[in-house]
Amino acid sequence: MNYKLLALDMDGTLLNSRKEITQPTVEAINQLLERGVHVVFSSGRNLPEMQDIRRVLNKIRYGIQISGGLVFDFAEDKVIAVRPVPFDVIMTIIDVGLDARAMIHLHTVRDSIARQADIDRMSDFHMGIYRSMFDRICLKVDDVKAYALEHSREIIKVNLYHRSPESRQRSIERIKDLELEPVFAEGSALEATPRGVTKASGLIELCKHLNIPLEQTVAIGDAPNDREILQTAGLGIAMGNADDDIKKIAGFVTLDNDHDGVAHAIEKFFD
């Protein structure tokens, strides 16, 4: 197959366990881009959270961001597609997060929003490795619910970072009947976008924009929020460090993220 697009998850895939992109991976991606293949980000991250990565991979033009809630053209700094969360659903998720004493993280097109008090205690929510990034890029508010009330039509995703998997399970039970696409993420995180919005829906939107058939796409990922895009792309590749159930649905399992699994997959399928 002559693949024309490669969609790359970030954490656990493109980034190693130290949240770095290795030089062999950078070189493999840049060589693909030079050959005219579209390499795109496929991430739960919002635009501010992509700043450091884009400095390293500044030739990548497109991003499927915020778990598919935003498809973005970095070269023209414009939105291709966006799907916000309905207002009543946002309020319910925030109430669930407050009851769980979770860290509430809101995503809009341009901002990453959280409480300073929660950022100061990110290790309590099993997200300590992101503390320095959140300190740098977050819009810090005292009251996330008040912010949501003022920006109700702008919120694309709500993340709840829990103190334990048990707390996360209680939250998922409370929101399971809402018009949401909730997924488990690293640590005890719960990510919620509108129902039907996934990285796969973002890939479909981007392929329409670029006029690329889905069968000519490859997606690489490692976590539950990559499931749909791995099943939708022409070829789904799981990282060696991926969850076992993600490996089972993949067409190929590459090396892990500490052994240049992305570069290995590029060499095998884009030779």
C-alpha atoms as a PDB file:
ATOM      1  CA  MET A   1       0.000   0.000   0.000  1.00  0.00           C
ATOM      2  CA  ASN A   2       1.212   3.487  -0.884  1.00  0.00           C
ATOM      3  CA  TYR A   3       0.424   5.214   2.407  1.00  0.00           C
ATOM      4  CA  LYS A   4      -0.032   8.983   2.197  1.00  0.00           C
ATOM      5  CA  LEU A   5      -0.676   9.938   5.832  1.00  0.00           C
ATOM      6  CA  LEU A   6       0.779   8.911   9.197  1.00  0.00           C
ATOM      7  CA  ALA A   7      -1.078   9.918  12.383  1.00  0.00           C
ATOM      8  CA  LEU A   8       1.041   9.853  15.545  1.00  0.00           C
ATOM      9  CA  ASP A   9      -0.147   9.759  19.127  1.00  0.00           C
ATOM     10  CA  MET A  10       2.039  11.737  21.539  1.00  0.00           C
ATOM     11  CA  ASP A  11       2.399  10.344  25.057  1.00  0.00           C
ATOM     12  CA  GLY A  12       3.559   6.745  25.080  1.00  0.00           C
ATOM     13  CA  THR A  13       4.108   6.800  21.319  1.00  0.00           C
ATOM     14  CA  LEU A  14       6.031   9.711  19.809  1.00  0.00           C
ATOM     15  CA  LEU A  15       7.403  10.663  23.238  1.00  0.00           C
ATOM     16  CA  ASN A  16       9.533   8.274  25.259  1.00  0.00           C
ATOM     17  CA  SER A  17       9.057   7.694  28.990  1.00  0.00           C
ATOM     18  CA  ARG A  18      11.013  10.906  29.699  1.00  0.00           C
ATOM     19  CA  LYS A  19       8.590  12.874  27.466  1.00  0.00           C
ATOM     20  CA  GLU A  20      11.304  13.376  24.841  1.00  0.00           C
ATOM     21  CA  ILE A  21      11.461  12.795  21.079  1.00  0.00           C
ATOM     22  CA  THR A  22      14.623  10.974  20.106  1.00  0.00           C
ATOM     23  CA  GLN A  23      16.789  12.076  17.180  1.00  0.00           C
ATOM     24  CA  PRO A  24      16.235   8.864  15.144  1.00  0.00           C
ATOM     25  CA  THR A  25      12.483   9.463  15.364  1.00  0.00           C
ATOM     26  CA  VAL A  26      12.833  13.124  14.343  1.00  0.00           C
ATOM     27  CA  GLU A  27      14.963  12.135  11.356  1.00  0.00           C
ATOM     28  CA  ALA A  28      12.553   9.392  10.246  1.00  0.00           C
ATOM     29  CA  ILE A  29       9.592  11.806  10.407  1.00  0.00           C
ATOM     30  CA  ASN A  30      11.382  14.599   8.559  1.00  0.00           C
ATOM     31  CA  GLN A  31      12.417  12.211   5.806  1.00  0.00           C
ATOM     32  CA  LEU A  32       8.787  11.160   5.378  1.00  0.00           C
ATOM     33  CA  LEU A  33       7.674  14.782   5.184  1.00  0.00           C
ATOM     34  CA  GLU A  34      10.320  15.510   2.554  1.00  0.00           C
ATOM     35  CA  ARG A  35       8.878  12.652   0.469  1.00  0.00           C
ATOM     36  CA  GLY A  36       5.440  14.303   0.547  1.00  0.00           C
ATOM     37  CA  VAL A  37       3.808  12.044   3.136  1.00  0.00           C
ATOM     38  CA  HIS A  38       1.528  13.890   5.550  1.00  0.00           C
ATOM     39  CA  VAL A  39       2.703  13.240   9.102  1.00  0.00           C
ATOM     40  CA  VAL A  40       0.116  14.575  11.553  1.00  0.00           C
ATOM     41  CA  PHE A  41      -0.218  14.763  15.315  1.00  0.00           C
ATOM     42  CA  SER A  42      -2.983  12.649  16.858  1.00  0.00           C
ATOM     43  CA  SER A  43      -3.229  13.675  20.472  1.00  0.00           C
ATOM     44  CA  GLY A  44      -5.401  14.378  23.459  1.00  0.00           C
ATOM     45  CA  ARG A  45      -3.308  17.515  23.954  1.00  0.00           C
ATOM     46  CA  ASN A  46      -4.520  21.027  23.220  1.00  0.00           C
ATOM     47  CA  LEU A  47      -2.549  23.651  21.271  1.00  0.00           C
ATOM     48  CA  PRO A  48      -0.620  25.164  24.220  1.00  0.00           C
ATOM     49  CA  GLU A  49       0.507  21.670  25.228  1.00  0.00           C
ATOM     50  CA  MET A  50       1.993  21.170  21.745  1.00  0.00           C
ATOM     51  CA  GLN A  51       4.423  24.103  21.909  1.00  0.00           C
ATOM     52  CA  ASP A  52       7.538  22.176  22.936  1.00  0.00           C
ATOM     53  CA  ILE A  53       6.850  19.338  20.501  1.00  0.00           C
ATOM     54  CA  ARG A  54       6.259  21.682  17.591  1.00  0.00           C
ATOM     55  CA  ARG A  55       9.615  23.357  18.161  1.00  0.00           C
ATOM     56  CA  VAL A  56      11.229  19.975  17.478  1.00  0.00           C
ATOM     57  CA  LEU A  57       8.874  18.918  14.656  1.00  0.00           C
ATOM     58  CA  ASN A  58       8.054  22.282  13.117  1.00  0.00           C
ATOM     59  CA  LYS A  59       7.505  20.869   9.621  1.00  0.00           C
ATOM     60  CA  ILE A  60       4.369  18.994  10.685  1.00  0.00           C
ATOM     61  CA  ARG A  61       1.462  21.034   9.390  1.00  0.00           C
ATOM     62  CA  TYR A  62      -1.683  19.345  10.727  1.00  0.00           C
ATOM     63  CA  GLY A  63      -2.885  18.175  14.110  1.00  0.00           C
ATOM     64  CA  ILE A  64      -5.794  16.031  15.262  1.00  0.00           C
ATOM     65  CA  GLN A  65      -5.896  17.629  18.711  1.00  0.00           C
ATOM     66  CA  ILE A  66      -7.977  17.402  21.880  1.00  0.00           C
ATOM     67  CA  SER A  67      -8.843  13.755  21.151  1.00  0.00           C
ATOM     68  CA  GLY A  68     -10.391  14.666  17.803  1.00  0.00           C
ATOM     69  CA  GLY A  69     -12.379  17.654  19.043  1.00  0.00           C
ATOM     70  CA  LEU A  70     -10.105  19.986  17.090  1.00  0.00           C
ATOM     71  CA  VAL A  71      -8.487  19.517  13.684  1.00  0.00           C
ATOM     72  CA  PHE A  72      -5.945  22.273  13.144  1.00  0.00           C
ATOM     73  CA  ASP A  73      -3.706  23.689  10.411  1.00  0.00           C
ATOM     74  CA  PHE A  74      -0.546  24.950  12.126  1.00  0.00           C
ATOM     75  CA  ALA A  75       0.889  26.518   8.962  1.00  0.00           C
ATOM     76  CA  GLU A  76      -2.111  28.796   8.489  1.00  0.00           C
ATOM     77  CA  ASP A  77      -2.967  28.951  12.202  1.00  0.00           C
ATOM     78  CA  LYS A  78      -6.586  28.080  11.523  1.00  0.00           C
ATOM     79  CA  VAL A  79      -9.262  25.635  12.606  1.00  0.00           C
ATOM     80  CA  ILE A  80     -10.307  22.968  10.104  1.00  0.00           C
ATOM     81  CA  ALA A  81     -12.970  21.407  12.336  1.00  0.00           C
ATOM     82  CA  VAL A  82     -14.082  21.827  15.949  1.00  0.00           C
ATOM     83  CA  ARG A  83     -16.694  20.135  18.156  1.00  0.00           C
ATOM     84  CA  PRO A  84     -17.443  21.731  21.563  1.00  0.00           C
ATOM     85  CA  VAL A  85     -19.083  19.947  24.500  1.00  0.00           C
ATOM     86  CA  PRO A  86     -22.768  20.866  25.128  1.00  0.00           C
ATOM     87  CA  PHE A  87     -23.194  23.318  28.014  1.00  0.00           C
ATOM     88  CA  ASP A  88     -25.343  21.147  30.286  1.00  0.00           C
ATOM     89  CA  VAL A  89     -22.915  18.255  29.869  1.00  0.00           C
ATOM     90  CA  ILE A  90     -19.951  20.460  30.823  1.00  0.00           C
ATOM     91  CA  MET A  91     -21.646  21.525  34.039  1.00  0.00           C
ATOM     92  CA  THR A  92     -22.413  17.928  34.994  1.00  0.00           C
ATOM     93  CA  ILE A  93     -18.846  16.744  34.359  1.00  0.00           C
ATOM     94  CA  ILE A  94     -17.430  19.587  36.425  1.00  0.00           C
ATOM     95  CA  ASP A  95     -19.782  18.763  39.315  1.00  0.00           C
ATOM     96  CA  VAL A  96     -18.686  15.124  39.138  1.00  0.00           C
ATOM     97  CA  GLY A  97     -15.051  16.227  39.201  1.00  0.00           C
ATOM     98  CA  LEU A  98     -15.604  18.506  42.179  1.00  0.00           C
ATOM     99  CA  ASP A  99     -17.366  15.744  44.095  1.00  0.00           C
ATOM    100  CA  ALA A 100     -14.449  13.387  43.365  1.00  0.00           C
ATOM    101  CA  ARG A 101     -11.895  15.996  44.473  1.00  0.00           C
ATOM    102  CA  ALA A 102     -10.325  15.519  41.048  1.00  0.00           C
ATOM    103  CA  MET A 103      -8.186  17.996  39.135  1.00  0.00           C
ATOM    104  CA  ILE A 104     -10.403  19.532  36.434  1.00  0.00           C
ATOM    105  CA  HIS A 105      -8.681  20.458  33.170  1.00  0.00           C
ATOM    106  CA  LEU A 106     -10.604  22.326  30.448  1.00  0.00           C
ATOM    107  CA  HIS A 107      -9.573  22.528  26.784  1.00  0.00           C
ATOM    108  CA  THR A 108     -10.556  25.238  24.309  1.00  0.00           C
ATOM    109  CA  VAL A 109      -9.124  26.019  20.868  1.00  0.00           C
ATOM    110  CA  ARG A 110      -6.466  28.341  22.275  1.00  0.00           C
ATOM    111  CA  ASP A 111      -6.298  27.708  26.019  1.00  0.00           C
ATOM    112  CA  SER A 112      -5.535  25.032  28.594  1.00  0.00           C
ATOM    113  CA  ILE A 113      -7.367  25.877  31.833  1.00  0.00           C
ATOM    114  CA  ALA A 114      -6.839  24.576  35.374  1.00  0.00           C
ATOM    115  CA  ARG A 115      -6.736  25.761  38.985  1.00  0.00           C
ATOM    116  CA  GLN A 116      -3.344  26.769  40.339  1.00  0.00           C
ATOM    117  CA  ALA A 117      -4.036  24.846  43.544  1.00  0.00           C
ATOM    118  CA  ASP A 118      -4.460  21.644  41.514  1.00  0.00           C
ATOM    119  CA  ILE A 119      -1.355  22.284  39.419  1.00  0.00           C
ATOM    120  CA  ASP A 120       0.643  22.656  42.631  1.00  0.00           C
ATOM    121  CA  ARG A 121      -0.483  19.134  43.644  1.00  0.00           C
ATOM    122  CA  MET A 122      -0.377  17.311  40.314  1.00  0.00           C
ATOM    123  CA  SER A 123       1.550  14.424  41.815  1.00  0.00           C
ATOM    124  CA  ASP A 124      -1.547  13.704  43.947  1.00  0.00           C
ATOM    125  CA  PHE A 125      -3.380  13.059  40.670  1.00  0.00           C
ATOM    126  CA  HIS A 126      -0.596  10.866  39.188  1.00  0.00           C
ATOM    127  CA  MET A 127       0.281  13.598  36.694  1.00  0.00           C
ATOM    128  CA  GLY A 128       3.390  15.021  38.336  1.00  0.00           C
ATOM    129  CA  ILE A 129       5.513  14.604  35.202  1.00  0.00           C
ATOM    130  CA  TYR A 130       3.400  17.330  33.552  1.00  0.00           C
ATOM    131  CA  ARG A 131       3.695  19.847  36.399  1.00  0.00           C
ATOM    132  CA  SER A 132       6.347  22.081  34.800  1.00  0.00           C
ATOM    133  CA  MET A 133       4.475  22.182  31.478  1.00  0.00           C
ATOM    134  CA  PHE A 134       1.183  23.105  33.167  1.00  0.00           C
ATOM    135  CA  ASP A 135       2.966  25.845  35.125  1.00  0.00           C
ATOM    136  CA  ARG A 136       4.168  27.331  31.839  1.00  0.00           C
ATOM    137  CA  ILE A 137       1.188  26.969  29.534  1.00  0.00           C
ATOM    138  CA  CYS A 138      -2.001  26.885  31.591  1.00  0.00           C
ATOM    139  CA  LEU A 139      -4.465  29.707  31.993  1.00  0.00           C
ATOM    140  CA  LYS A 140      -4.860  29.518  35.768  1.00  0.00           C
ATOM    141  CA  VAL A 141      -8.252  30.223  37.316  1.00  0.00           C
ATOM    142  CA  ASP A 142      -9.619  30.071  40.844  1.00  0.00           C
ATOM    143  CA  ASP A 143     -12.979  28.592  39.844  1.00  0.00           C
ATOM    144  CA  VAL A 144     -13.218  26.279  36.811  1.00  0.00           C
ATOM    145  CA  LYS A 145     -17.015  26.203  37.008  1.00  0.00           C
ATOM    146  CA  ALA A 146     -17.234  29.996  36.832  1.00  0.00           C
ATOM    147  CA  TYR A 147     -14.867  29.949  33.853  1.00  0.00           C
ATOM    148  CA  ALA A 148     -17.012  27.325  32.121  1.00  0.00           C
ATOM    149  CA  LEU A 149     -20.149  29.411  32.670  1.00  0.00           C
ATOM    150  CA  GLU A 150     -18.482  32.370  30.943  1.00  0.00           C
ATOM    151  CA  HIS A 151     -17.000  30.308  28.080  1.00  0.00           C
ATOM    152  CA  SER A 152     -19.635  27.616  27.683  1.00  0.00           C
ATOM    153  CA  ARG A 153     -19.508  27.433  23.881  1.00  0.00           C
ATOM    154  CA  GLU A 154     -15.726  27.178  23.712  1.00  0.00           C
ATOM    155  CA  ILE A 155     -14.942  24.043  25.746  1.00  0.00           C
ATOM    156  CA  ILE A 156     -13.976  21.076  23.572  1.00  0.00           C
ATOM    157  CA  LYS A 157     -12.910  18.547  26.205  1.00  0.00           C
ATOM    158  CA  VAL A 158     -12.904  18.104  29.976  1.00  0.00           C
ATOM    159  CA  ASN A 159     -10.228  15.999  31.688  1.00  0.00           C
ATOM    160  CA  LEU A 160     -10.671  14.766  35.233  1.00  0.00           C
ATOM    161  CA  TYR A 161      -7.435  13.656  36.900  1.00  0.00           C
ATOM    162  CA  HIS A 162      -8.381  11.425  39.819  1.00  0.00           C
ATOM    163  CA  ARG A 163      -6.531  10.436  42.949  1.00  0.00           C
ATOM    164  CA  SER A 164      -7.168   6.712  42.346  1.00  0.00           C
ATOM    165  CA  PRO A 165      -8.549   4.311  39.734  1.00  0.00           C
ATOM    166  CA  GLU A 166     -11.455   3.597  42.098  1.00  0.00           C
ATOM    167  CA  SER A 167     -12.404   7.274  42.166  1.00  0.00           C
ATOM    168  CA  ARG A 168     -12.222   7.373  38.362  1.00  0.00           C
ATOM    169  CA  GLN A 169     -14.521   4.351  38.118  1.00  0.00           C
ATOM    170  CA  ARG A 170     -17.112   6.088  40.309  1.00  0.00           C
ATOM    171  CA  SER A 171     -16.955   9.129  38.026  1.00  0.00           C
ATOM    172  CA  ILE A 172     -17.400   7.090  34.855  1.00  0.00           C
ATOM    173  CA  GLU A 173     -20.506   5.503  36.357  1.00  0.00           C
ATOM    174  CA  ARG A 174     -21.987   8.951  36.985  1.00  0.00           C
ATOM    175  CA  ILE A 175     -21.428  10.258  33.449  1.00  0.00           C
ATOM    176  CA  LYS A 176     -22.002   7.083  31.411  1.00  0.00           C
ATOM    177  CA  ASP A 177     -25.477   8.174  30.246  1.00  0.00           C
ATOM    178  CA  LEU A 178     -24.398  11.639  29.078  1.00  0.00           C
ATOM    179  CA  GLU A 179     -23.829  12.522  25.418  1.00  0.00           C
ATOM    180  CA  LEU A 180     -20.110  11.920  25.844  1.00  0.00           C
ATOM    181  CA  GLU A 181     -17.195   9.878  24.546  1.00  0.00           C
ATOM    182  CA  PRO A 182     -15.393   9.165  27.848  1.00  0.00           C
ATOM    183  CA  VAL A 183     -12.085   7.287  27.768  1.00  0.00           C
ATOM    184  CA  PHE A 184      -9.489   6.273  30.333  1.00  0.00           C
ATOM    185  CA  ALA A 185      -6.066   7.834  29.873  1.00  0.00           C
ATOM    186  CA  GLU A 186      -2.755   7.540  31.687  1.00  0.00           C
ATOM    187  CA  GLY A 187      -2.652   7.381  35.448  1.00  0.00           C
ATOM    188  CA  SER A 188      -6.189   7.797  36.771  1.00  0.00           C
ATOM    189  CA  ALA A 189      -7.265  10.281  34.114  1.00  0.00           C
ATOM    190  CA  LEU A 190     -10.694  10.397  32.513  1.00  0.00           C
ATOM    191  CA  GLU A 191     -11.069  12.354  29.264  1.00  0.00           C
ATOM    192  CA  ALA A 192     -14.486  13.402  27.963  1.00  0.00           C
ATOM    193  CA  THR A 193     -15.367  14.758  24.510  1.00  0.00           C
ATOM    194  CA  PRO A 194     -18.822  14.913  22.869  1.00  0.00           C
ATOM    195  CA  ARG A 195     -20.271  11.575  21.786  1.00  0.00           C
ATOM    196  CA  GLY A 196     -18.898  10.566  18.400  1.00  0.00           C
ATOM    197  CA  VAL A 197     -15.803  12.736  18.778  1.00  0.00           C
ATOM    198  CA  THR A 198     -12.639  10.637  18.813  1.00  0.00           C
ATOM    199  CA  LYS A 199      -9.252  10.687  17.156  1.00  0.00           C
ATOM    200  CA  ALA A 200     -10.903   8.576  14.447  1.00  0.00           C
ATOM    201  CA  SER A 201     -13.518  11.258  13.714  1.00  0.00           C
ATOM    202  CA  GLY A 202     -10.684  13.781  13.535  1.00  0.00           C
ATOM    203  CA  LEU A 203      -8.820  11.577  11.060  1.00  0.00           C
ATOM    204  CA  ILE A 204     -11.927  11.332   8.890  1.00  0.00           C
ATOM    205  CA  GLU A 205     -12.308  15.138   8.890  1.00  0.00           C
ATOM    206  CA  LEU A 206      -8.643  15.655   8.007  1.00  0.00           C
ATOM    207  CA  CYS A 207      -8.725  13.054   5.225  1.00  0.00           C
ATOM    208  CA  LYS A 208     -11.737  14.822   3.698  1.00  0.00           C
ATOM    209  CA  HIS A 209      -9.833  18.111   3.885  1.00  0.00           C
ATOM    210  CA  LEU A 210      -6.745  16.598   2.232  1.00  0.00           C
ATOM    211  CA  ASN A 211      -8.689  14.323  -0.148  1.00  0.00           C
ATOM    212  CA  ILE A 212      -6.851  11.219   1.092  1.00  0.00           C
ATOM    213  CA  PRO A 213      -8.647   7.831   1.245  1.00  0.00           C
ATOM    214  CA  LEU A 214      -8.709   6.304   4.730  1.00  0.00           C
ATOM    215  CA  GLU A 215      -7.155   3.110   3.402  1.00  0.00           C
ATOM    216  CA  GLN A 216      -4.021   5.102   2.586  1.00  0.00           C
ATOM    217  CA  THR A 217      -3.515   6.168   6.213  1.00  0.00           C
ATOM    218  CA  VAL A 218      -1.509   4.711   9.098  1.00  0.00           C
ATOM    219  CA  ALA A 219      -2.106   5.460  12.793  1.00  0.00           C
ATOM    220  CA  ILE A 220       0.213   4.602  15.677  1.00  0.00           C
ATOM    221  CA  GLY A 221      -0.837   4.628  19.340  1.00  0.00           C
ATOM    222  CA  ASP A 222      -0.668   2.901  22.690  1.00  0.00           C
ATOM    223  CA  ALA A 223      -3.695   3.711  24.852  1.00  0.00           C
ATOM    224  CA  PRO A 224      -7.507   3.310  25.023  1.00  0.00           C
ATOM    225  CA  ASN A 225      -8.035   6.736  23.447  1.00  0.00           C
ATOM    226  CA  ASP A 226      -6.223   5.415  20.342  1.00  0.00           C
ATOM    227  CA  ARG A 227      -8.540   2.442  19.848  1.00  0.00           C
ATOM    228  CA  GLU A 228     -10.927   4.021  17.324  1.00  0.00           C
ATOM    229  CA  ILE A 229      -8.249   5.605  15.150  1.00  0.00           C
ATOM    230  CA  LEU A 230      -6.270   2.354  14.999  1.00  0.00           C
ATOM    231  CA  GLN A 231      -9.441   0.593  13.832  1.00  0.00           C
ATOM    232  CA  THR A 232     -10.330   3.339  11.318  1.00  0.00           C
ATOM    233  CA  ALA A 233      -6.976   3.939   9.622  1.00  0.00           C
ATOM    234  CA  GLY A 234      -5.866   1.745   6.732  1.00  0.00           C
ATOM    235  CA  LEU A 235      -3.261   0.304   9.085  1.00  0.00           C
ATOM    236  CA  GLY A 236      -3.310   0.540  12.873  1.00  0.00           C
ATOM    237  CA  ILE A 237       0.006   0.052  14.649  1.00  0.00           C
ATOM    238  CA  ALA A 238       0.360  -0.485  18.400  1.00  0.00           C
ATOM    239  CA  MET A 239       3.460   0.463  20.325  1.00  0.00           C
ATOM    240  CA  GLY A 240       5.373  -2.271  22.139  1.00  0.00           C
ATOM    241  CA  ASN A 241       4.402  -0.559  25.404  1.00  0.00           C
ATOM    242  CA  ALA A 242       0.701  -0.438  24.461  1.00  0.00           C
ATOM    243  CA  ASP A 243      -2.080  -1.952  26.530  1.00  0.00           C
ATOM    244  CA  ASP A 244      -2.656  -5.611  25.632  1.00  0.00           C
ATOM    245  CA  ASP A 245      -6.165  -4.974  24.303  1.00  0.00           C
ATOM    246  CA  ILE A 246      -4.783  -2.271  21.991  1.00  0.00           C
ATOM    247  CA  LYS A 247      -2.158  -4.692  20.670  1.00  0.00           C
ATOM    248  CA  LYS A 248      -4.922  -7.201  19.897  1.00  0.00           C
ATOM    249  CA  ILE A 249      -6.754  -4.843  17.530  1.00  0.00           C
ATOM    250  CA  ALA A 250      -3.614  -3.574  15.772  1.00  0.00           C
ATOM    251  CA  GLY A 251      -2.380  -4.781  12.414  1.00  0.00           C
ATOM    252  CA  PHE A 252       1.202  -4.615  13.660  1.00  0.00           C
ATOM    253  CA  VAL A 253       3.029  -4.139  16.958  1.00  0.00           C
ATOM    254  CA  THR A 254       6.217  -2.075  16.747  1.00  0.00           C
ATOM    255  CA  LEU A 255       8.966  -1.521  19.325  1.00  0.00           C
ATOM    256  CA  ASP A 256       8.212   0.389  22.515  1.00  0.00           C
ATOM    257  CA  ASN A 257       8.511   4.147  22.950  1.00  0.00           C
ATOM    258  CA  ASP A 258      11.912   3.881  24.617  1.00  0.00           C
ATOM    259  CA  HIS A 259      13.321   2.003  21.619  1.00  0.00           C
ATOM    260  CA  ASP A 260      12.214   4.237  18.725  1.00  0.00           C
ATOM    261  CA  GLY A 261       9.064   2.294  17.937  1.00  0.00           C
ATOM    262  CA  VAL A 262       7.779   5.064  15.654  1.00  0.00           C
ATOM    263  CA  ALA A 263      10.993   5.133  13.620  1.00  0.00           C
ATOM    264  CA  HIS A 264      10.891   1.331  13.355  1.00  0.00           C
ATOM    265  CA  ALA A 265       7.308   1.412  12.023  1.00  0.00           C
ATOM    266  CA  ILE A 266       8.183   4.122   9.493  1.00  0.00           C
ATOM    267  CA  GLU A 267      11.114   2.074   8.217  1.00  0.00           C
ATOM    268  CA  LYS A 268       8.919  -1.025   7.837  1.00  0.00           C
ATOM    269  CA  PHE A 269       5.830   0.478   6.196  1.00  0.00           C
ATOM    270  CA  PHE A 270       7.117   3.574   4.379  1.00  0.00           C
ATOM    271  CA  ASP A 271      10.246   2.111   2.827  1.00  0.00           C
END
